[in-house]
Amino acid sequence: TSAVLMLVLNLFGLGLGPFVTGLLSDTLVAH
């Protein structure tokens, strides 16, 4: 149960959070 919870939290939170923020930062630099 903890592993399933951590799977979603980490894929969406840890996986996408820093990456999307960095990608958005790179995109905004151009504009």
PDB file of all heavy atoms in Angstrom:
ATOM      1  N   THR A   1       0.831  -1.209   0.000  1.00  0.00           N
ATOM      2  CA  THR A   1       0.000   0.000   0.000  1.00  0.00           C
ATOM      3  C   THR A   1       0.859   1.250   0.000  1.00  0.00           C
ATOM      4  O   THR A   1       0.595   2.205  -0.737  1.00  0.00           O
ATOM      5  CB  THR A   1      -0.927  -0.005   1.235  1.00  0.00           C
ATOM      6  OG1 THR A   1      -1.797  -1.131   1.163  1.00  0.00           O
ATOM      7  CG2 THR A   1      -1.750   1.265   1.316  1.00  0.00           C
ATOM      8  N   SER A   2       1.908   1.261   0.820  1.00  0.00           N
ATOM      9  CA  SER A   2       2.835   2.396   0.827  1.00  0.00           C
ATOM     10  C   SER A   2       3.560   2.527  -0.505  1.00  0.00           C
ATOM     11  O   SER A   2       3.783   3.644  -1.001  1.00  0.00           O
ATOM     12  CB  SER A   2       3.852   2.242   1.958  1.00  0.00           C
ATOM     13  OG  SER A   2       3.273   2.490   3.218  1.00  0.00           O
ATOM     14  N   ALA A   3       3.937   1.387  -1.091  1.00  0.00           N
ATOM     15  CA  ALA A   3       4.679   1.427  -2.353  1.00  0.00           C
ATOM     16  C   ALA A   3       3.838   2.011  -3.479  1.00  0.00           C
ATOM     17  O   ALA A   3       4.332   2.796  -4.298  1.00  0.00           O
ATOM     18  CB  ALA A   3       5.154   0.021  -2.722  1.00  0.00           C
ATOM     19  N   VAL A   4       2.561   1.633  -3.546  1.00  0.00           N
ATOM     20  CA  VAL A   4       1.682   2.192  -4.580  1.00  0.00           C
ATOM     21  C   VAL A   4       1.527   3.699  -4.376  1.00  0.00           C
ATOM     22  O   VAL A   4       1.580   4.487  -5.329  1.00  0.00           O
ATOM     23  CB  VAL A   4       0.307   1.500  -4.556  1.00  0.00           C
ATOM     24  CG1 VAL A   4      -0.660   2.190  -5.512  1.00  0.00           C
ATOM     25  CG2 VAL A   4       0.445   0.026  -4.927  1.00  0.00           C
ATOM     26  N   LEU A   5       1.335   4.100  -3.120  1.00  0.00           N
ATOM     27  CA  LEU A   5       1.226   5.518  -2.811  1.00  0.00           C
ATOM     28  C   LEU A   5       2.494   6.267  -3.210  1.00  0.00           C
ATOM     29  O   LEU A   5       2.445   7.313  -3.870  1.00  0.00           O
ATOM     30  CB  LEU A   5       0.956   5.690  -1.316  1.00  0.00           C
ATOM     31  CG  LEU A   5       0.776   7.117  -0.788  1.00  0.00           C
ATOM     32  CD1 LEU A   5      -0.437   7.787  -1.421  1.00  0.00           C
ATOM     33  CD2 LEU A   5       0.650   7.111   0.731  1.00  0.00           C
ATOM     34  N   MET A   6       3.653   5.711  -2.830  1.00  0.00           N
ATOM     35  CA  MET A   6       4.921   6.344  -3.167  1.00  0.00           C
ATOM     36  C   MET A   6       5.184   6.335  -4.669  1.00  0.00           C
ATOM     37  O   MET A   6       5.817   7.251  -5.201  1.00  0.00           O
ATOM     38  CB  MET A   6       6.070   5.636  -2.445  1.00  0.00           C
ATOM     39  CG  MET A   6       6.055   5.772  -0.935  1.00  0.00           C
ATOM     40  SD  MET A   6       6.226   7.486  -0.367  1.00  0.00           S
ATOM     41  CE  MET A   6       4.558   7.781   0.245  1.00  0.00           C
ATOM     42  N   LEU A   7       4.697   5.305  -5.361  1.00  0.00           N
ATOM     43  CA  LEU A   7       4.878   5.240  -6.811  1.00  0.00           C
ATOM     44  C   LEU A   7       4.264   6.464  -7.478  1.00  0.00           C
ATOM     45  O   LEU A   7       4.917   7.150  -8.272  1.00  0.00           O
ATOM     46  CB  LEU A   7       4.227   3.966  -7.355  1.00  0.00           C
ATOM     47  CG  LEU A   7       4.102   3.866  -8.884  1.00  0.00           C
ATOM     48  CD1 LEU A   7       5.464   3.738  -9.523  1.00  0.00           C
ATOM     49  CD2 LEU A   7       3.220   2.689  -9.292  1.00  0.00           C
ATOM     50  N   VAL A   8       3.007   6.748  -7.141  1.00  0.00           N
ATOM     51  CA  VAL A   8       2.319   7.873  -7.771  1.00  0.00           C
ATOM     52  C   VAL A   8       2.919   9.200  -7.308  1.00  0.00           C
ATOM     53  O   VAL A   8       3.150  10.108  -8.116  1.00  0.00           O
ATOM     54  CB  VAL A   8       0.813   7.823  -7.468  1.00  0.00           C
ATOM     55  CG1 VAL A   8       0.093   8.997  -8.128  1.00  0.00           C
ATOM     56  CG2 VAL A   8       0.221   6.501  -7.959  1.00  0.00           C
ATOM     57  N   LEU A   9       3.174   9.317  -6.003  1.00  0.00           N
ATOM     58  CA  LEU A   9       3.733  10.563  -5.484  1.00  0.00           C
ATOM     59  C   LEU A   9       5.087  10.871  -6.115  1.00  0.00           C
ATOM     60  O   LEU A   9       5.367  12.025  -6.469  1.00  0.00           O
ATOM     61  CB  LEU A   9       3.888  10.492  -3.962  1.00  0.00           C
ATOM     62  CG  LEU A   9       2.747  11.056  -3.118  1.00  0.00           C
ATOM     63  CD1 LEU A   9       1.450  10.286  -3.357  1.00  0.00           C
ATOM     64  CD2 LEU A   9       3.106  11.037  -1.639  1.00  0.00           C
ATOM     65  N   ASN A  10       5.898   9.852  -6.281  1.00  0.00           N
ATOM     66  CA  ASN A  10       7.236  10.084  -6.819  1.00  0.00           C
ATOM     67  C   ASN A  10       7.245  10.280  -8.329  1.00  0.00           C
ATOM     68  O   ASN A  10       8.010  11.098  -8.840  1.00  0.00           O
ATOM     69  CB  ASN A  10       8.160   8.933  -6.427  1.00  0.00           C
ATOM     70  CG  ASN A  10       8.582   9.001  -4.977  1.00  0.00           C
ATOM     71  OD1 ASN A  10       9.170   9.980  -4.542  1.00  0.00           O
ATOM     72  ND2 ASN A  10       8.267   7.972  -4.214  1.00  0.00           N
ATOM     73  N   LEU A  11       6.406   9.533  -9.051  1.00  0.00           N
ATOM     74  CA  LEU A  11       6.365   9.727 -10.500  1.00  0.00           C
ATOM     75  C   LEU A  11       5.830  11.108 -10.850  1.00  0.00           C
ATOM     76  O   LEU A  11       6.389  11.824 -11.686  1.00  0.00           O
ATOM     77  CB  LEU A  11       5.514   8.642 -11.156  1.00  0.00           C
ATOM     78  CG  LEU A  11       6.144   7.258 -11.296  1.00  0.00           C
ATOM     79  CD1 LEU A  11       5.164   6.291 -11.931  1.00  0.00           C
ATOM     80  CD2 LEU A  11       7.419   7.334 -12.130  1.00  0.00           C
ATOM     81  N   PHE A  12       4.728  11.488 -10.208  1.00  0.00           N
ATOM     82  CA  PHE A  12       4.108  12.775 -10.520  1.00  0.00           C
ATOM     83  C   PHE A  12       4.826  13.921  -9.809  1.00  0.00           C
ATOM     84  O   PHE A  12       5.049  14.986 -10.407  1.00  0.00           O
ATOM     85  CB  PHE A  12       2.638  12.755 -10.094  1.00  0.00           C
ATOM     86  CG  PHE A  12       1.852  13.942 -10.610  1.00  0.00           C
ATOM     87  CD1 PHE A  12       1.416  13.988 -11.923  1.00  0.00           C
ATOM     88  CD2 PHE A  12       1.557  15.006  -9.774  1.00  0.00           C
ATOM     89  CE1 PHE A  12       0.699  15.081 -12.401  1.00  0.00           C
ATOM     90  CE2 PHE A  12       0.837  16.095 -10.233  1.00  0.00           C
ATOM     91  CZ  PHE A  12       0.405  16.130 -11.552  1.00  0.00           C
ATOM     92  N   GLY A  13       5.189  13.713  -8.535  1.00  0.00           N
ATOM     93  CA  GLY A  13       5.806  14.784  -7.763  1.00  0.00           C
ATOM     94  C   GLY A  13       7.289  14.909  -8.030  1.00  0.00           C
ATOM     95  O   GLY A  13       7.758  15.882  -8.628  1.00  0.00           O
ATOM     96  N   LEU A  14       8.053  13.898  -7.616  1.00  0.00           N
ATOM     97  CA  LEU A  14       9.497  13.931  -7.803  1.00  0.00           C
ATOM     98  C   LEU A  14       9.881  13.857  -9.276  1.00  0.00           C
ATOM     99  O   LEU A  14      10.813  14.526  -9.724  1.00  0.00           O
ATOM    100  CB  LEU A  14      10.126  12.770  -7.029  1.00  0.00           C
ATOM    101  CG  LEU A  14      11.634  12.582  -7.153  1.00  0.00           C
ATOM    102  CD1 LEU A  14      12.379  13.817  -6.699  1.00  0.00           C
ATOM    103  CD2 LEU A  14      12.079  11.352  -6.353  1.00  0.00           C
ATOM    104  N   GLY A  15       9.155  13.026 -10.047  1.00  0.00           N
ATOM    105  CA  GLY A  15       9.508  12.861 -11.454  1.00  0.00           C
ATOM    106  C   GLY A  15       9.194  14.061 -12.308  1.00  0.00           C
ATOM    107  O   GLY A  15      10.039  14.548 -13.069  1.00  0.00           O
ATOM    108  N   LEU A  16       7.970  14.574 -12.193  1.00  0.00           N
ATOM    109  CA  LEU A  16       7.549  15.667 -13.061  1.00  0.00           C
ATOM    110  C   LEU A  16       7.772  17.048 -12.458  1.00  0.00           C
ATOM    111  O   LEU A  16       7.990  18.017 -13.190  1.00  0.00           O
ATOM    112  CB  LEU A  16       6.066  15.502 -13.419  1.00  0.00           C
ATOM    113  CG  LEU A  16       5.721  14.303 -14.296  1.00  0.00           C
ATOM    114  CD1 LEU A  16       4.215  14.274 -14.576  1.00  0.00           C
ATOM    115  CD2 LEU A  16       6.500  14.344 -15.600  1.00  0.00           C
ATOM    116  N   GLY A  17       7.690  17.165 -11.118  1.00  0.00           N
ATOM    117  CA  GLY A  17       7.799  18.484 -10.495  1.00  0.00           C
ATOM    118  C   GLY A  17       9.068  19.234 -10.863  1.00  0.00           C
ATOM    119  O   GLY A  17       9.014  20.280 -11.532  1.00  0.00           O
ATOM    120  N   PRO A  18      10.257  18.756 -10.470  1.00  0.00           N
ATOM    121  CA  PRO A  18      11.497  19.461 -10.822  1.00  0.00           C
ATOM    122  C   PRO A  18      11.732  19.553 -12.323  1.00  0.00           C
ATOM    123  O   PRO A  18      12.217  20.573 -12.831  1.00  0.00           O
ATOM    124  CB  PRO A  18      12.580  18.609 -10.145  1.00  0.00           C
ATOM    125  CG  PRO A  18      11.875  17.896  -9.050  1.00  0.00           C
ATOM    126  CD  PRO A  18      10.499  17.611  -9.585  1.00  0.00           C
ATOM    127  N   PHE A  19      11.365  18.488 -13.062  1.00  0.00           N
ATOM    128  CA  PHE A  19      11.604  18.486 -14.510  1.00  0.00           C
ATOM    129  C   PHE A  19      10.740  19.519 -15.226  1.00  0.00           C
ATOM    130  O   PHE A  19      11.240  20.301 -16.038  1.00  0.00           O
ATOM    131  CB  PHE A  19      11.330  17.096 -15.075  1.00  0.00           C
ATOM    132  CG  PHE A  19      11.442  17.014 -16.574  1.00  0.00           C
ATOM    133  CD1 PHE A  19      12.668  17.139 -17.200  1.00  0.00           C
ATOM    134  CD2 PHE A  19      10.306  16.830 -17.359  1.00  0.00           C
ATOM    135  CE1 PHE A  19      12.772  17.084 -18.582  1.00  0.00           C
ATOM    136  CE2 PHE A  19      10.398  16.778 -18.740  1.00  0.00           C
ATOM    137  CZ  PHE A  19      11.643  16.898 -19.359  1.00  0.00           C
ATOM    138  N   VAL A  20       9.435  19.542 -14.922  1.00  0.00           N
ATOM    139  CA  VAL A  20       8.529  20.510 -15.562  1.00  0.00           C
ATOM    140  C   VAL A  20       8.910  21.929 -15.177  1.00  0.00           C
ATOM    141  O   VAL A  20       8.870  22.846 -16.004  1.00  0.00           O
ATOM    142  CB  VAL A  20       7.067  20.209 -15.184  1.00  0.00           C
ATOM    143  CG1 VAL A  20       6.144  21.335 -15.644  1.00  0.00           C
ATOM    144  CG2 VAL A  20       6.623  18.884 -15.792  1.00  0.00           C
ATOM    145  N   THR A  21       9.303  22.133 -13.924  1.00  0.00           N
ATOM    146  CA  THR A  21       9.721  23.462 -13.487  1.00  0.00           C
ATOM    147  C   THR A  21      10.965  23.911 -14.241  1.00  0.00           C
ATOM    148  O   THR A  21      11.053  25.060 -14.701  1.00  0.00           O
ATOM    149  CB  THR A  21       9.997  23.462 -11.969  1.00  0.00           C
ATOM    150  OG1 THR A  21       8.824  23.035 -11.281  1.00  0.00           O
ATOM    151  CG2 THR A  21      10.368  24.861 -11.488  1.00  0.00           C
ATOM    152  N   GLY A  22      11.940  23.035 -14.396  1.00  0.00           N
ATOM    153  CA  GLY A  22      13.137  23.375 -15.168  1.00  0.00           C
ATOM    154  C   GLY A  22      12.832  23.607 -16.630  1.00  0.00           C
ATOM    155  O   GLY A  22      13.366  24.535 -17.260  1.00  0.00           O
ATOM    156  N   LEU A  23      11.954  22.779 -17.199  1.00  0.00           N
ATOM    157  CA  LEU A  23      11.568  22.939 -18.601  1.00  0.00           C
ATOM    158  C   LEU A  23      10.838  24.255 -18.813  1.00  0.00           C
ATOM    159  O   LEU A  23      11.097  24.984 -19.797  1.00  0.00           O
ATOM    160  CB  LEU A  23      10.681  21.768 -19.020  1.00  0.00           C
ATOM    161  CG  LEU A  23      10.312  21.664 -20.507  1.00  0.00           C
ATOM    162  CD1 LEU A  23      11.555  21.460 -21.356  1.00  0.00           C
ATOM    163  CD2 LEU A  23       9.324  20.518 -20.730  1.00  0.00           C
ATOM    164  N   LEU A  24       9.932  24.592 -17.888  1.00  0.00           N
ATOM    165  CA  LEU A  24       9.214  25.857 -17.980  1.00  0.00           C
ATOM    166  C   LEU A  24      10.165  27.043 -17.842  1.00  0.00           C
ATOM    167  O   LEU A  24      10.030  28.055 -18.535  1.00  0.00           O
ATOM    168  CB  LEU A  24       8.134  25.916 -16.902  1.00  0.00           C
ATOM    169  CG  LEU A  24       7.247  27.165 -16.871  1.00  0.00           C
ATOM    170  CD1 LEU A  24       6.515  27.346 -18.193  1.00  0.00           C
ATOM    171  CD2 LEU A  24       6.248  27.070 -15.721  1.00  0.00           C
ATOM    172  N   SER A  25      11.148  26.905 -16.962  1.00  0.00           N
ATOM    173  CA  SER A  25      12.142  27.967 -16.803  1.00  0.00           C
ATOM    174  C   SER A  25      12.931  28.184 -18.086  1.00  0.00           C
ATOM    175  O   SER A  25      13.133  29.320 -18.526  1.00  0.00           O
ATOM    176  CB  SER A  25      13.091  27.615 -15.658  1.00  0.00           C
ATOM    177  OG  SER A  25      14.113  28.578 -15.522  1.00  0.00           O
ATOM    178  N   ASP A  26      13.380  27.099 -18.717  1.00  0.00           N
ATOM    179  CA  ASP A  26      14.107  27.211 -19.986  1.00  0.00           C
ATOM    180  C   ASP A  26      13.237  27.851 -21.070  1.00  0.00           C
ATOM    181  O   ASP A  26      13.709  28.660 -21.878  1.00  0.00           O
ATOM    182  CB  ASP A  26      14.565  25.828 -20.453  1.00  0.00           C
ATOM    183  CG  ASP A  26      15.789  25.336 -19.693  1.00  0.00           C
ATOM    184  OD1 ASP A  26      16.470  26.159 -19.068  1.00  0.00           O
ATOM    185  OD2 ASP A  26      16.040  24.114 -19.729  1.00  0.00           O
ATOM    186  N   THR A  27      11.951  27.479 -21.086  1.00  0.00           N
ATOM    187  CA  THR A  27      11.034  28.023 -22.093  1.00  0.00           C
ATOM    188  C   THR A  27      10.811  29.514 -21.889  1.00  0.00           C
ATOM    189  O   THR A  27      10.779  30.292 -22.855  1.00  0.00           O
ATOM    190  CB  THR A  27       9.680  27.285 -22.029  1.00  0.00           C
ATOM    191  OG1 THR A  27       9.892  25.882 -22.221  1.00  0.00           O
ATOM    192  CG2 THR A  27       8.729  27.804 -23.096  1.00  0.00           C
ATOM    193  N   LEU A  28      10.649  29.929 -20.634  1.00  0.00           N
ATOM    194  CA  LEU A  28      10.394  31.339 -20.343  1.00  0.00           C
ATOM    195  C   LEU A  28      11.612  32.219 -20.601  1.00  0.00           C
ATOM    196  O   LEU A  28      11.462  33.412 -20.881  1.00  0.00           O
ATOM    197  CB  LEU A  28       9.946  31.498 -18.885  1.00  0.00           C
ATOM    198  CG  LEU A  28       8.554  30.945 -18.549  1.00  0.00           C
ATOM    199  CD1 LEU A  28       8.289  31.054 -17.048  1.00  0.00           C
ATOM    200  CD2 LEU A  28       7.473  31.681 -19.332  1.00  0.00           C
ATOM    201  N   VAL A  29      12.808  31.634 -20.503  1.00  0.00           N
ATOM    202  CA  VAL A  29      14.020  32.417 -20.776  1.00  0.00           C
ATOM    203  C   VAL A  29      13.988  32.978 -22.189  1.00  0.00           C
ATOM    204  O   VAL A  29      14.364  34.132 -22.441  1.00  0.00           O
ATOM    205  CB  VAL A  29      15.283  31.558 -20.562  1.00  0.00           C
ATOM    206  CG1 VAL A  29      16.511  32.248 -21.152  1.00  0.00           C
ATOM    207  CG2 VAL A  29      15.501  31.310 -19.088  1.00  0.00           C
ATOM    208  N   ALA A  30      13.517  32.156 -23.133  1.00  0.00           N
ATOM    209  CA  ALA A  30      13.471  32.596 -24.534  1.00  0.00           C
ATOM    210  C   ALA A  30      12.520  33.765 -24.738  1.00  0.00           C
ATOM    211  O   ALA A  30      12.711  34.592 -25.631  1.00  0.00           O
ATOM    212  CB  ALA A  30      13.052  31.428 -25.422  1.00  0.00           C
ATOM    213  N   HIS A  31      11.468  33.852 -23.900  1.00  0.00           N
ATOM    214  CA  HIS A  31      10.469  34.906 -24.051  1.00  0.00           C
ATOM    215  C   HIS A  31      10.728  36.106 -23.143  1.00  0.00           C
ATOM    216  O   HIS A  31      10.364  37.228 -23.483  1.00  0.00           O
ATOM    217  CB  HIS A  31       9.077  34.350 -23.760  1.00  0.00           C
ATOM    218  CG  HIS A  31       8.655  33.264 -24.691  1.00  0.00           C
ATOM    219  ND1 HIS A  31       8.211  33.507 -25.977  1.00  0.00           N
ATOM    220  CD2 HIS A  31       8.624  31.917 -24.547  1.00  0.00           C
ATOM    221  CE1 HIS A  31       7.916  32.371 -26.580  1.00  0.00           C
ATOM    222  NE2 HIS A  31       8.158  31.383 -25.733  1.00  0.00           N
TER     223      HIS A  31
END
